[in-house]
PDB file of N, CA and C in Angstrom:
ATOM      1  N   MET A   1      78.119  33.164 -16.927  1.00  0.00           N
ATOM      2  CA  MET A   1      78.089  34.522 -15.931  1.00  0.00           C
ATOM      3  C   MET A   1      76.169  35.400 -16.840  1.00  0.00           C
ATOM      4  N   GLY A   2      75.526  36.060 -15.758  1.00  0.00           N
ATOM      5  CA  GLY A   2      75.059  36.811 -15.911  1.00  0.00           C
ATOM      6  C   GLY A   2      75.523  38.146 -17.530  1.00  0.00           C
ATOM      7  N   ALA A   3      74.387  38.745 -17.495  1.00  0.00           N
ATOM      8  CA  ALA A   3      74.543  39.562 -18.969  1.00  0.00           C
ATOM      9  C   ALA A   3      75.828  40.691 -18.104  1.00  0.00           C
ATOM     10  N   SER A   4      75.832  41.352 -16.939  1.00  0.00           N
ATOM     11  CA  SER A   4      76.565  42.220 -15.949  1.00  0.00           C
ATOM     12  C   SER A   4      77.089  41.579 -14.258  1.00  0.00           C
ATOM     13  N   PHE A   5      77.457  42.124 -14.106  1.00  0.00           N
ATOM     14  CA  PHE A   5      78.028  42.205 -11.934  1.00  0.00           C
ATOM     15  C   PHE A   5      76.840  42.246 -11.573  1.00  0.00           C
ATOM     16  N   LYS A   6      75.725  43.015 -12.113  1.00  0.00           N
ATOM     17  CA  LYS A   6      74.913  43.337 -10.962  1.00  0.00           C
ATOM     18  C   LYS A   6      74.216  42.419 -10.761  1.00  0.00           C
ATOM     19  N   ASP A   7      74.070  41.349 -12.094  1.00  0.00           N
ATOM     20  CA  ASP A   7      73.066  40.273 -11.401  1.00  0.00           C
ATOM     21  C   ASP A   7      73.922  38.451 -10.291  1.00  0.00           C
ATOM     22  N   LEU A   8      75.016  39.241  -9.684  1.00  0.00           N
ATOM     23  CA  LEU A   8      76.011  38.031  -9.133  1.00  0.00           C
ATOM     24  C   LEU A   8      75.204  38.397  -8.317  1.00  0.00           C
ATOM     25  N   VAL A   9      74.623  37.529  -7.370  1.00  0.00           N
ATOM     26  CA  VAL A   9      74.161  37.891  -6.209  1.00  0.00           C
ATOM     27  C   VAL A   9      75.341  37.942  -4.937  1.00  0.00           C
ATOM     28  N   VAL A  10      76.718  38.040  -5.242  1.00  0.00           N
ATOM     29  CA  VAL A  10      77.603  37.923  -4.651  1.00  0.00           C
ATOM     30  C   VAL A  10      77.757  39.959  -4.658  1.00  0.00           C
ATOM     31  N   TRP A  11      77.566  39.793  -5.570  1.00  0.00           N
ATOM     32  CA  TRP A  11      78.005  41.470  -5.687  1.00  0.00           C
ATOM     33  C   TRP A  11      76.303  41.928  -4.441  1.00  0.00           C
ATOM     34  N   GLN A  12      75.401  41.961  -4.840  1.00  0.00           N
ATOM     35  CA  GLN A  12      74.116  41.848  -4.842  1.00  0.00           C
ATOM     36  C   GLN A  12      74.386  42.079  -3.229  1.00  0.00           C
ATOM     37  N   LYS A  13      75.029  41.535  -2.723  1.00  0.00           N
ATOM     38  CA  LYS A  13      75.310  41.609  -0.878  1.00  0.00           C
ATOM     39  C   LYS A  13      75.698  42.546  -0.678  1.00  0.00           C
ATOM     40  N   ALA A  14      76.544  42.324  -0.993  1.00  0.00           N
ATOM     41  CA  ALA A  14      78.252  43.344  -0.481  1.00  0.00           C
ATOM     42  C   ALA A  14      77.601  44.408  -0.681  1.00  0.00           C
ATOM     43  N   VAL A  15      76.541  44.872  -2.075  1.00  0.00           N
ATOM     44  CA  VAL A  15      75.891  46.272  -1.691  1.00  0.00           C
ATOM     45  C   VAL A  15      74.999  46.205  -0.819  1.00  0.00           C
ATOM     46  N   GLU A  16      74.204  45.120  -0.379  1.00  0.00           N
ATOM     47  CA  GLU A  16      73.378  45.342   1.170  1.00  0.00           C
ATOM     48  C   GLU A  16      74.049  45.298   2.264  1.00  0.00           C
ATOM     49  N   LEU A  17      75.534  44.692   2.630  1.00  0.00           N
ATOM     50  CA  LEU A  17      76.653  44.948   3.442  1.00  0.00           C
ATOM     51  C   LEU A  17      76.709  46.566   3.755  1.00  0.00           C
ATOM     52  N   SER A  18      77.129  46.784   2.436  1.00  0.00           N
ATOM     53  CA  SER A  18      77.476  48.328   2.443  1.00  0.00           C
ATOM     54  C   SER A  18      76.704  49.831   2.778  1.00  0.00           C
ATOM     55  N   SER A  19      75.521  49.197   2.286  1.00  0.00           N
ATOM     56  CA  SER A  19      74.071  49.419   3.140  1.00  0.00           C
ATOM     57  C   SER A  19      74.139  49.587   4.489  1.00  0.00           C
ATOM     58  N   LYS A  20      74.090  47.919   4.486  1.00  0.00           N
ATOM     59  CA  LYS A  20      74.119  48.184   6.318  1.00  0.00           C
ATOM     60  C   LYS A  20      74.829  48.902   7.263  1.00  0.00           C
ATOM     61  N   ILE A  21      76.378  49.039   6.493  1.00  0.00           N
ATOM     62  CA  ILE A  21      77.539  49.566   7.119  1.00  0.00           C
ATOM     63  C   ILE A  21      77.652  51.278   7.510  1.00  0.00           C
ATOM     64  N   TYR A  22      77.019  51.476   6.307  1.00  0.00           N
ATOM     65  CA  TYR A  22      76.540  52.873   6.785  1.00  0.00           C
ATOM     66  C   TYR A  22      75.891  53.632   7.663  1.00  0.00           C
ATOM     67  N   ARG A  23      74.489  52.482   7.542  1.00  0.00           N
ATOM     68  CA  ARG A  23      73.057  52.666   8.608  1.00  0.00           C
ATOM     69  C   ARG A  23      73.950  52.695   9.761  1.00  0.00           C
ATOM     70  N   LEU A  24      75.124  51.481   9.707  1.00  0.00           N
ATOM     71  CA  LEU A  24      75.278  51.171  11.106  1.00  0.00           C
ATOM     72  C   LEU A  24      76.464  52.327  11.531  1.00  0.00           C
ATOM     73  N   THR A  25      77.538  52.611  11.321  1.00  0.00           N
ATOM     74  CA  THR A  25      78.086  53.854  11.799  1.00  0.00           C
ATOM     75  C   THR A  25      77.451  55.131  11.231  1.00  0.00           C
ATOM     76  N   ALA A  26      76.684  54.978  11.276  1.00  0.00           N
ATOM     77  CA  ALA A  26      75.856  56.333  11.786  1.00  0.00           C
ATOM     78  C   ALA A  26      75.294  57.024  12.578  1.00  0.00           C
ATOM     79  N   SER A  27      75.081  56.374  13.660  1.00  0.00           N
ATOM     80  CA  SER A  27      75.618  55.681  15.267  1.00  0.00           C
ATOM     81  C   SER A  27      76.654  56.186  15.793  1.00  0.00           C
ATOM     82  N   PHE A  28      77.556  56.342  15.282  1.00  0.00           N
ATOM     83  CA  PHE A  28      78.774  56.049  16.143  1.00  0.00           C
ATOM     84  C   PHE A  28      78.879  57.694  16.461  1.00  0.00           C
ATOM     85  N   PRO A  29      80.105  57.655  17.497  1.00  0.00           N
ATOM     86  CA  PRO A  29      80.231  58.731  17.735  1.00  0.00           C
ATOM     87  C   PRO A  29      81.114  59.874  17.131  1.00  0.00           C
ATOM     88  N   ALA A  30      80.722  60.896  17.238  1.00  0.00           N
ATOM     89  CA  ALA A  30      81.428  62.301  15.687  1.00  0.00           C
ATOM     90  C   ALA A  30      82.722  61.909  16.384  1.00  0.00           C
ATOM     91  N   SER A  31      83.596  61.577  16.879  1.00  0.00           N
ATOM     92  CA  SER A  31      85.019  61.640  17.550  1.00  0.00           C
ATOM     93  C   SER A  31      85.766  60.306  16.457  1.00  0.00           C
ATOM     94  N   GLU A  32      84.771  58.835  15.515  1.00  0.00           N
ATOM     95  CA  GLU A  32      84.814  58.267  15.058  1.00  0.00           C
ATOM     96  C   GLU A  32      85.052  58.489  13.392  1.00  0.00           C
ATOM     97  N   GLN A  33      83.956  59.952  13.436  1.00  0.00           N
ATOM     98  CA  GLN A  33      84.281  59.736  11.536  1.00  0.00           C
ATOM     99  C   GLN A  33      85.417  60.136  10.656  1.00  0.00           C
ATOM    100  N   PHE A  34      86.358  60.164  11.726  1.00  0.00           N
ATOM    101  CA  PHE A  34      87.737  59.758  10.375  1.00  0.00           C
ATOM    102  C   PHE A  34      88.378  58.589  11.182  1.00  0.00           C
ATOM    103  N   GLY A  35      87.623  58.243  12.298  1.00  0.00           N
ATOM    104  CA  GLY A  35      88.363  57.042  12.197  1.00  0.00           C
ATOM    105  C   GLY A  35      87.595  55.280  11.696  1.00  0.00           C
ATOM    106  N   LEU A  36      87.177  54.812  12.351  1.00  0.00           N
ATOM    107  CA  LEU A  36      86.600  53.842  12.576  1.00  0.00           C
ATOM    108  C   LEU A  36      85.276  53.681  11.536  1.00  0.00           C
ATOM    109  N   THR A  37      84.786  55.215  11.371  1.00  0.00           N
ATOM    110  CA  THR A  37      83.882  55.040  10.996  1.00  0.00           C
ATOM    111  C   THR A  37      83.887  55.091   9.190  1.00  0.00           C
ATOM    112  N   ASN A  38      84.958  56.456   9.107  1.00  0.00           N
ATOM    113  CA  ASN A  38      85.794  55.999   7.369  1.00  0.00           C
ATOM    114  C   ASN A  38      85.934  54.630   7.112  1.00  0.00           C
ATOM    115  N   GLN A  39      86.372  54.517   8.447  1.00  0.00           N
ATOM    116  CA  GLN A  39      87.401  52.848   7.591  1.00  0.00           C
ATOM    117  C   GLN A  39      86.568  51.945   7.048  1.00  0.00           C
ATOM    118  N   MET A  40      85.406  51.520   7.791  1.00  0.00           N
ATOM    119  CA  MET A  40      84.425  51.022   7.416  1.00  0.00           C
ATOM    120  C   MET A  40      83.678  50.607   6.581  1.00  0.00           C
ATOM    121  N   ARG A  41      83.099  52.539   6.632  1.00  0.00           N
ATOM    122  CA  ARG A  41      82.670  52.621   4.952  1.00  0.00           C
ATOM    123  C   ARG A  41      83.455  52.406   4.108  1.00  0.00           C
ATOM    124  N   ARG A  42      85.308  52.848   3.819  1.00  0.00           N
ATOM    125  CA  ARG A  42      85.848  52.335   3.000  1.00  0.00           C
ATOM    126  C   ARG A  42      85.304  50.636   2.273  1.00  0.00           C
ATOM    127  N   ALA A  43      85.947  50.416   3.344  1.00  0.00           N
ATOM    128  CA  ALA A  43      86.131  48.802   2.820  1.00  0.00           C
ATOM    129  C   ALA A  43      85.071  47.791   2.665  1.00  0.00           C
ATOM    130  N   SER A  44      83.682  48.257   3.199  1.00  0.00           N
ATOM    131  CA  SER A  44      82.300  48.015   2.951  1.00  0.00           C
ATOM    132  C   SER A  44      82.613  48.048   1.102  1.00  0.00           C
ATOM    133  N   VAL A  45      82.480  49.260   0.917  1.00  0.00           N
ATOM    134  CA  VAL A  45      82.791  49.740  -0.487  1.00  0.00           C
ATOM    135  C   VAL A  45      83.332  49.365  -1.164  1.00  0.00           C
ATOM    136  N   SER A  46      84.103  49.048  -0.529  1.00  0.00           N
ATOM    137  CA  SER A  46      85.594  48.429  -1.854  1.00  0.00           C
ATOM    138  C   SER A  46      85.470  46.298  -1.824  1.00  0.00           C
ATOM    139  N   VAL A  47      84.629  45.961  -1.257  1.00  0.00           N
ATOM    140  CA  VAL A  47      84.435  44.951  -1.786  1.00  0.00           C
ATOM    141  C   VAL A  47      83.242  44.353  -2.647  1.00  0.00           C
ATOM    142  N   ALA A  48      82.311  45.565  -2.441  1.00  0.00           N
ATOM    143  CA  ALA A  48      81.455  45.501  -3.789  1.00  0.00           C
ATOM    144  C   ALA A  48      82.244  45.869  -5.309  1.00  0.00           C
ATOM    145  N   SER A  49      82.723  46.909  -4.983  1.00  0.00           N
ATOM    146  CA  SER A  49      83.877  47.580  -6.069  1.00  0.00           C
ATOM    147  C   SER A  49      84.748  46.805  -6.864  1.00  0.00           C
ATOM    148  N   ASN A  50      85.461  45.660  -5.642  1.00  0.00           N
ATOM    149  CA  ASN A  50      86.418  45.024  -6.321  1.00  0.00           C
ATOM    150  C   ASN A  50      86.035  43.924  -7.152  1.00  0.00           C
ATOM    151  N   ILE A  51      84.211  43.549  -6.967  1.00  0.00           N
ATOM    152  CA  ILE A  51      83.591  42.472  -7.621  1.00  0.00           C
ATOM    153  C   ILE A  51      83.439  42.981  -8.922  1.00  0.00           C
ATOM    154  N   ALA A  52      82.962  44.314  -8.650  1.00  0.00           N
ATOM    155  CA  ALA A  52      82.064  45.096 -10.032  1.00  0.00           C
ATOM    156  C   ALA A  52      83.611  45.210 -11.355  1.00  0.00           C
ATOM    157  N   GLU A  53      85.033  45.615 -10.484  1.00  0.00           N
ATOM    158  CA  GLU A  53      86.036  45.883 -11.237  1.00  0.00           C
ATOM    159  C   GLU A  53      86.660  44.623 -11.936  1.00  0.00           C
ATOM    160  N   GLY A  54      86.487  43.922 -10.488  1.00  0.00           N
ATOM    161  CA  GLY A  54      87.511  42.530 -11.891  1.00  0.00           C
ATOM    162  C   GLY A  54      85.956  41.742 -13.004  1.00  0.00           C
ATOM    163  N   TYR A  55      85.098  42.105 -12.586  1.00  0.00           N
ATOM    164  CA  TYR A  55      83.604  41.052 -13.804  1.00  0.00           C
ATOM    165  C   TYR A  55      83.815  41.888 -14.689  1.00  0.00           C
ATOM    166  N   GLY A  56      84.694  43.274 -14.918  1.00  0.00           N
ATOM    167  CA  GLY A  56      84.660  44.308 -16.233  1.00  0.00           C
ATOM    168  C   GLY A  56      86.556  43.959 -16.335  1.00  0.00           C
ATOM    169  N   ARG A  57      86.835  43.395 -15.950  1.00  0.00           N
ATOM    170  CA  ARG A  57      88.620  42.506 -16.844  1.00  0.00           C
ATOM    171  C   ARG A  57      88.830  41.618 -17.878  1.00  0.00           C
ATOM    172  N   SER A  58      89.438  41.733 -18.389  1.00  0.00           N
ATOM    173  CA  SER A  58      89.967  41.480 -20.007  1.00  0.00           C
ATOM    174  C   SER A  58      90.350  39.672 -19.403  1.00  0.00           C
ATOM    175  N   THR A  59      90.485  39.396 -18.951  1.00  0.00           N
ATOM    176  CA  THR A  59      90.717  37.816 -18.322  1.00  0.00           C
ATOM    177  C   THR A  59      89.844  37.573 -17.238  1.00  0.00           C
ATOM    178  N   ARG A  60      89.964  36.248 -17.373  1.00  0.00           N
ATOM    179  CA  ARG A  60      89.236  35.460 -16.038  1.00  0.00           C
ATOM    180  C   ARG A  60      90.868  34.747 -14.982  1.00  0.00           C
ATOM    181  N   GLY A  61      91.842  35.142 -15.461  1.00  0.00           N
ATOM    182  CA  GLY A  61      93.183  35.705 -14.118  1.00  0.00           C
ATOM    183  C   GLY A  61      92.345  37.168 -13.439  1.00  0.00           C
ATOM    184  N   GLU A  62      92.600  37.974 -14.009  1.00  0.00           N
ATOM    185  CA  GLU A  62      91.998  39.181 -13.466  1.00  0.00           C
ATOM    186  C   GLU A  62      91.071  39.002 -12.658  1.00  0.00           C
ATOM    187  N   TYR A  63      90.101  38.356 -13.170  1.00  0.00           N
ATOM    188  CA  TYR A  63      88.199  38.591 -12.535  1.00  0.00           C
ATOM    189  C   TYR A  63      89.192  38.353 -11.097  1.00  0.00           C
ATOM    190  N   VAL A  64      89.704  36.848 -10.951  1.00  0.00           N
ATOM    191  CA  VAL A  64      89.985  36.022  -9.684  1.00  0.00           C
ATOM    192  C   VAL A  64      90.642  36.772  -8.937  1.00  0.00           C
ATOM    193  N   LEU A  65      91.561  37.555  -9.877  1.00  0.00           N
ATOM    194  CA  LEU A  65      92.202  38.232  -8.612  1.00  0.00           C
ATOM    195  C   LEU A  65      91.668  39.528  -7.840  1.00  0.00           C
ATOM    196  N   PHE A  66      90.518  40.064  -8.924  1.00  0.00           N
ATOM    197  CA  PHE A  66      89.934  41.023  -8.256  1.00  0.00           C
ATOM    198  C   PHE A  66      89.067  40.465  -6.898  1.00  0.00           C
ATOM    199  N   LEU A  67      88.721  39.540  -7.300  1.00  0.00           N
ATOM    200  CA  LEU A  67      87.598  38.321  -6.210  1.00  0.00           C
ATOM    201  C   LEU A  67      88.939  38.025  -5.108  1.00  0.00           C
ATOM    202  N   GLY A  68      90.490  38.179  -5.421  1.00  0.00           N
ATOM    203  CA  GLY A  68      90.773  38.009  -3.670  1.00  0.00           C
ATOM    204  C   GLY A  68      91.181  39.592  -3.348  1.00  0.00           C
ATOM    205  N   HIS A  69      91.134  40.557  -4.263  1.00  0.00           N
ATOM    206  CA  HIS A  69      91.065  41.604  -3.165  1.00  0.00           C
ATOM    207  C   HIS A  69      90.016  42.142  -2.963  1.00  0.00           C
ATOM    208  N   ALA A  70      88.529  41.524  -2.938  1.00  0.00           N
ATOM    209  CA  ALA A  70      87.883  42.019  -2.661  1.00  0.00           C
ATOM    210  C   ALA A  70      87.491  41.227  -0.846  1.00  0.00           C
ATOM    211  N   ARG A  71      88.148  40.076  -1.300  1.00  0.00           N
ATOM    212  CA  ARG A  71      88.137  39.001   0.553  1.00  0.00           C
ATOM    213  C   ARG A  71      88.940  40.115   1.319  1.00  0.00           C
ATOM    214  N   GLY A  72      90.544  40.802   0.821  1.00  0.00           N
ATOM    215  CA  GLY A  72      90.821  40.763   1.586  1.00  0.00           C
ATOM    216  C   GLY A  72      90.062  42.883   2.851  1.00  0.00           C
ATOM    217  N   PRO A  73      89.592  43.320   1.865  1.00  0.00           N
ATOM    218  CA  PRO A  73      88.743  44.641   2.700  1.00  0.00           C
ATOM    219  C   PRO A  73      87.559  43.550   3.041  1.00  0.00           C
ATOM    220  N   ASN A  74      86.474  42.434   2.527  1.00  0.00           N
ATOM    221  CA  ASN A  74      86.213  41.971   3.804  1.00  0.00           C
ATOM    222  C   ASN A  74      86.640  41.715   4.685  1.00  0.00           C
ATOM    223  N   CYS A  75      87.636  40.711   5.011  1.00  0.00           N
ATOM    224  CA  CYS A  75      88.328  40.566   6.296  1.00  0.00           C
ATOM    225  C   CYS A  75      88.941  41.940   7.309  1.00  0.00           C
ATOM    226  N   GLU A  76      88.804  43.034   6.346  1.00  0.00           N
ATOM    227  CA  GLU A  76      89.097  44.268   7.204  1.00  0.00           C
ATOM    228  C   GLU A  76      87.845  44.730   8.291  1.00  0.00           C
ATOM    229  N   LEU A  77      87.022  44.434   7.366  1.00  0.00           N
ATOM    230  CA  LEU A  77      85.787  45.035   7.898  1.00  0.00           C
ATOM    231  C   LEU A  77      85.097  44.034   9.266  1.00  0.00           C
ATOM    232  N   GLN A  78      85.643  42.711   9.115  1.00  0.00           N
ATOM    233  CA  GLN A  78      85.263  41.813   9.522  1.00  0.00           C
ATOM    234  C   GLN A  78      85.831  42.496  11.199  1.00  0.00           C
ATOM    235  N   THR A  79      87.033  42.749  11.156  1.00  0.00           N
ATOM    236  CA  THR A  79      88.270  42.999  12.419  1.00  0.00           C
ATOM    237  C   THR A  79      87.788  44.766  12.640  1.00  0.00           C
ATOM    238  N   GLN A  80      87.129  44.939  12.211  1.00  0.00           N
ATOM    239  CA  GLN A  80      86.386  46.184  12.278  1.00  0.00           C
ATOM    240  C   GLN A  80      85.199  46.309  12.964  1.00  0.00           C
ATOM    241  N   LEU A  81      84.429  45.569  12.628  1.00  0.00           N
ATOM    242  CA  LEU A  81      82.765  45.200  13.251  1.00  0.00           C
ATOM    243  C   LEU A  81      83.795  44.669  14.527  1.00  0.00           C
ATOM    244  N   ALA A  82      84.224  43.689  15.129  1.00  0.00           N
ATOM    245  CA  ALA A  82      83.897  43.617  16.385  1.00  0.00           C
ATOM    246  C   ALA A  82      85.554  44.495  17.398  1.00  0.00           C
ATOM    247  N   ILE A  83      86.190  45.258  16.399  1.00  0.00           N
ATOM    248  CA  ILE A  83      86.503  46.061  17.350  1.00  0.00           C
ATOM    249  C   ILE A  83      85.413  47.105  17.544  1.00  0.00           C
ATOM    250  N   ALA A  84      84.553  47.454  16.408  1.00  0.00           N
ATOM    251  CA  ALA A  84      83.020  48.679  17.078  1.00  0.00           C
ATOM    252  C   ALA A  84      82.209  48.090  17.991  1.00  0.00           C
ATOM    253  N   ASN A  85      82.230  46.813  17.915  1.00  0.00           N
ATOM    254  CA  ASN A  85      81.184  45.877  19.148  1.00  0.00           C
ATOM    255  C   ASN A  85      82.252  46.051  19.931  1.00  0.00           C
ATOM    256  N   THR A  86      83.462  45.433  20.525  1.00  0.00           N
ATOM    257  CA  THR A  86      84.005  45.750  21.846  1.00  0.00           C
ATOM    258  C   THR A  86      84.104  46.608  22.596  1.00  0.00           C
ATOM    259  N   LEU A  87      83.685  48.013  21.912  1.00  0.00           N
ATOM    260  CA  LEU A  87      84.265  49.636  22.493  1.00  0.00           C
ATOM    261  C   LEU A  87      82.197  49.739  22.517  1.00  0.00           C
ATOM    262  N   GLY A  88      81.341  48.923  21.968  1.00  0.00           N
ATOM    263  CA  GLY A  88      79.729  49.073  22.723  1.00  0.00           C
ATOM    264  C   GLY A  88      79.601  49.733  21.320  1.00  0.00           C
ATOM    265  N   PHE A  89      79.688  50.298  20.183  1.00  0.00           N
ATOM    266  CA  PHE A  89      79.340  51.250  19.604  1.00  0.00           C
ATOM    267  C   PHE A  89      78.281  50.633  18.837  1.00  0.00           C
ATOM    268  N   CYS A  90      77.891  48.973  18.831  1.00  0.00           N
ATOM    269  CA  CYS A  90      76.522  48.663  18.129  1.00  0.00           C
ATOM    270  C   CYS A  90      76.274  48.023  18.874  1.00  0.00           C
ATOM    271  N   ASN A  91      74.450  47.452  18.431  1.00  0.00           N
ATOM    272  CA  ASN A  91      73.777  46.687  19.507  1.00  0.00           C
ATOM    273  C   ASN A  91      74.291  44.578  18.791  1.00  0.00           C
ATOM    274  N   ASN A  92      74.406  43.789  19.835  1.00  0.00           N
ATOM    275  CA  ASN A  92      74.967  42.592  19.430  1.00  0.00           C
ATOM    276  C   ASN A  92      73.894  42.403  18.206  1.00  0.00           C
ATOM    277  N   GLU A  93      73.130  42.884  17.672  1.00  0.00           N
ATOM    278  CA  GLU A  93      71.565  42.302  16.967  1.00  0.00           C
ATOM    279  C   GLU A  93      72.007  43.082  15.804  1.00  0.00           C
ATOM    280  N   THR A  94      72.373  44.542  15.278  1.00  0.00           N
ATOM    281  CA  THR A  94      73.185  44.634  14.506  1.00  0.00           C
ATOM    282  C   THR A  94      74.655  44.362  14.179  1.00  0.00           C
ATOM    283  N   HIS A  95      75.343  44.437  15.030  1.00  0.00           N
ATOM    284  CA  HIS A  95      76.905  44.034  14.719  1.00  0.00           C
ATOM    285  C   HIS A  95      77.080  42.193  13.884  1.00  0.00           C
ATOM    286  N   GLU A  96      75.907  41.247  14.949  1.00  0.00           N
ATOM    287  CA  GLU A  96      75.758  40.007  14.399  1.00  0.00           C
ATOM    288  C   GLU A  96      75.270  40.003  12.684  1.00  0.00           C
ATOM    289  N   SER A  97      74.094  40.374  12.425  1.00  0.00           N
ATOM    290  CA  SER A  97      73.402  40.458  11.529  1.00  0.00           C
ATOM    291  C   SER A  97      74.691  41.122  10.309  1.00  0.00           C
ATOM    292  N   ALA A  98      75.425  42.208  10.393  1.00  0.00           N
ATOM    293  CA  ALA A  98      77.012  42.373   9.423  1.00  0.00           C
ATOM    294  C   ALA A  98      77.613  41.734   9.586  1.00  0.00           C
ATOM    295  N   GLU A  99      77.933  41.142  10.939  1.00  0.00           N
ATOM    296  CA  GLU A  99      79.212  39.851  10.917  1.00  0.00           C
ATOM    297  C   GLU A  99      78.485  38.978   9.859  1.00  0.00           C
ATOM    298  N   LYS A 100      77.227  38.210  10.120  1.00  0.00           N
ATOM    299  CA  LYS A 100      76.985  36.929   9.326  1.00  0.00           C
ATOM    300  C   LYS A 100      77.393  37.367   7.971  1.00  0.00           C
ATOM    301  N   LEU A 101      76.552  38.591   6.882  1.00  0.00           N
ATOM    302  CA  LEU A 101      76.313  39.285   6.165  1.00  0.00           C
ATOM    303  C   LEU A 101      77.306  38.997   4.992  1.00  0.00           C
ATOM    304  N   SER A 102      78.890  39.228   6.297  1.00  0.00           N
ATOM    305  CA  SER A 102      80.060  39.030   5.570  1.00  0.00           C
ATOM    306  C   SER A 102      80.631  38.078   5.719  1.00  0.00           C
ATOM    307  N   ALA A 103      80.751  37.007   6.551  1.00  0.00           N
ATOM    308  CA  ALA A 103      80.940  36.232   6.844  1.00  0.00           C
ATOM    309  C   ALA A 103      80.116  34.731   5.308  1.00  0.00           C
ATOM    310  N   GLU A 104      78.938  35.547   4.888  1.00  0.00           N
ATOM    311  CA  GLU A 104      78.682  34.987   3.963  1.00  0.00           C
ATOM    312  C   GLU A 104      78.863  35.106   2.134  1.00  0.00           C
ATOM    313  N   ILE A 105      79.563  36.231   1.974  1.00  0.00           N
ATOM    314  CA  ILE A 105      80.147  37.159   1.689  1.00  0.00           C
ATOM    315  C   ILE A 105      81.224  36.035   1.045  1.00  0.00           C
ATOM    316  N   SER A 106      82.355  36.271   1.737  1.00  0.00           N
ATOM    317  CA  SER A 106      83.541  35.009   2.004  1.00  0.00           C
ATOM    318  C   SER A 106      83.239  34.398   1.284  1.00  0.00           C
ATOM    319  N   ARG A 107      82.285  33.224   2.061  1.00  0.00           N
ATOM    320  CA  ARG A 107      81.400  31.961   1.126  1.00  0.00           C
ATOM    321  C   ARG A 107      81.879  32.117   0.145  1.00  0.00           C
ATOM    322  N   MET A 108      81.126  32.729  -0.509  1.00  0.00           N
ATOM    323  CA  MET A 108      80.378  33.292  -1.537  1.00  0.00           C
ATOM    324  C   MET A 108      81.630  33.290  -2.388  1.00  0.00           C
ATOM    325  N   LEU A 109      82.363  34.321  -1.850  1.00  0.00           N
ATOM    326  CA  LEU A 109      83.465  35.080  -2.719  1.00  0.00           C
ATOM    327  C   LEU A 109      84.908  33.631  -3.033  1.00  0.00           C
ATOM    328  N   ASN A 110      85.043  32.725  -1.821  1.00  0.00           N
ATOM    329  CA  ASN A 110      85.630  31.671  -1.711  1.00  0.00           C
ATOM    330  C   ASN A 110      85.575  30.871  -3.132  1.00  0.00           C
ATOM    331  N   ALA A 111      84.003  30.486  -3.181  1.00  0.00           N
ATOM    332  CA  ALA A 111      83.295  30.169  -4.212  1.00  0.00           C
ATOM    333  C   ALA A 111      83.532  30.232  -5.512  1.00  0.00           C
ATOM    334  N   LEU A 112      82.910  30.935  -5.684  1.00  0.00           N
ATOM    335  CA  LEU A 112      83.224  31.799  -7.165  1.00  0.00           C
ATOM    336  C   LEU A 112      84.707  31.727  -7.871  1.00  0.00           C
ATOM    337  N   MET A 113      86.046  32.421  -6.672  1.00  0.00           N
ATOM    338  CA  MET A 113      86.787  31.938  -7.040  1.00  0.00           C
ATOM    339  C   MET A 113      87.455  30.709  -7.022  1.00  0.00           C
ATOM    340  N   ASN A 114      86.640  29.521  -6.708  1.00  0.00           N
ATOM    341  CA  ASN A 114      87.284  27.866  -7.084  1.00  0.00           C
ATOM    342  C   ASN A 114      86.211  27.626  -8.097  1.00  0.00           C
ATOM    343  N   LYS A 115      84.848  28.308  -8.922  1.00  0.00           N
ATOM    344  CA  LYS A 115      84.708  28.042  -9.841  1.00  0.00           C
ATOM    345  C   LYS A 115      85.197  28.363 -11.299  1.00  0.00           C
ATOM    346  N   LEU A 116      85.971  29.743 -11.522  1.00  0.00           N
ATOM    347  CA  LEU A 116      86.106  30.487 -11.788  1.00  0.00           C
ATOM    348  C   LEU A 116      87.917  30.119 -12.369  1.00  0.00           C
ATOM    349  N   LYS A 117      88.907  29.241 -11.305  1.00  0.00           N
ATOM    350  CA  LYS A 117      89.888  28.259 -11.316  1.00  0.00           C
ATOM    351  C   LYS A 117      89.944  27.113 -11.979  1.00  0.00           C
ATOM    352  N   ALA A 118      88.490  26.414 -11.786  1.00  0.00           N
ATOM    353  CA  ALA A 118      88.273  25.049 -12.579  1.00  0.00           C
ATOM    354  C   ALA A 118      88.190  24.780 -13.717  1.00  0.00           C
TER     355      ALA A 118
END
């Protein structure tokens, strides 16, 4: 492992995803400020936050547990992206870019969890 959670590529990509979601939701209707916008932003921030928190825990088991916690909001975000796309809140290119990054993070989380369990 690196010297910090900031060295983890999966954490870096999760931060990138969160930034992308903030930019994406900035164009959502004002009526969604406390709805889908808030949900998507919170879920995206939670992914990177859980990776960081797990890294800072005392045991490998806790780390794996928090990586699992990061998968949950990532799946929520994928669902919310689908809803936003269905409602026409984002263009297909933006939606596909965020969805692709989220799927990549899912694969990376699974791989890291498997590595830590081995």
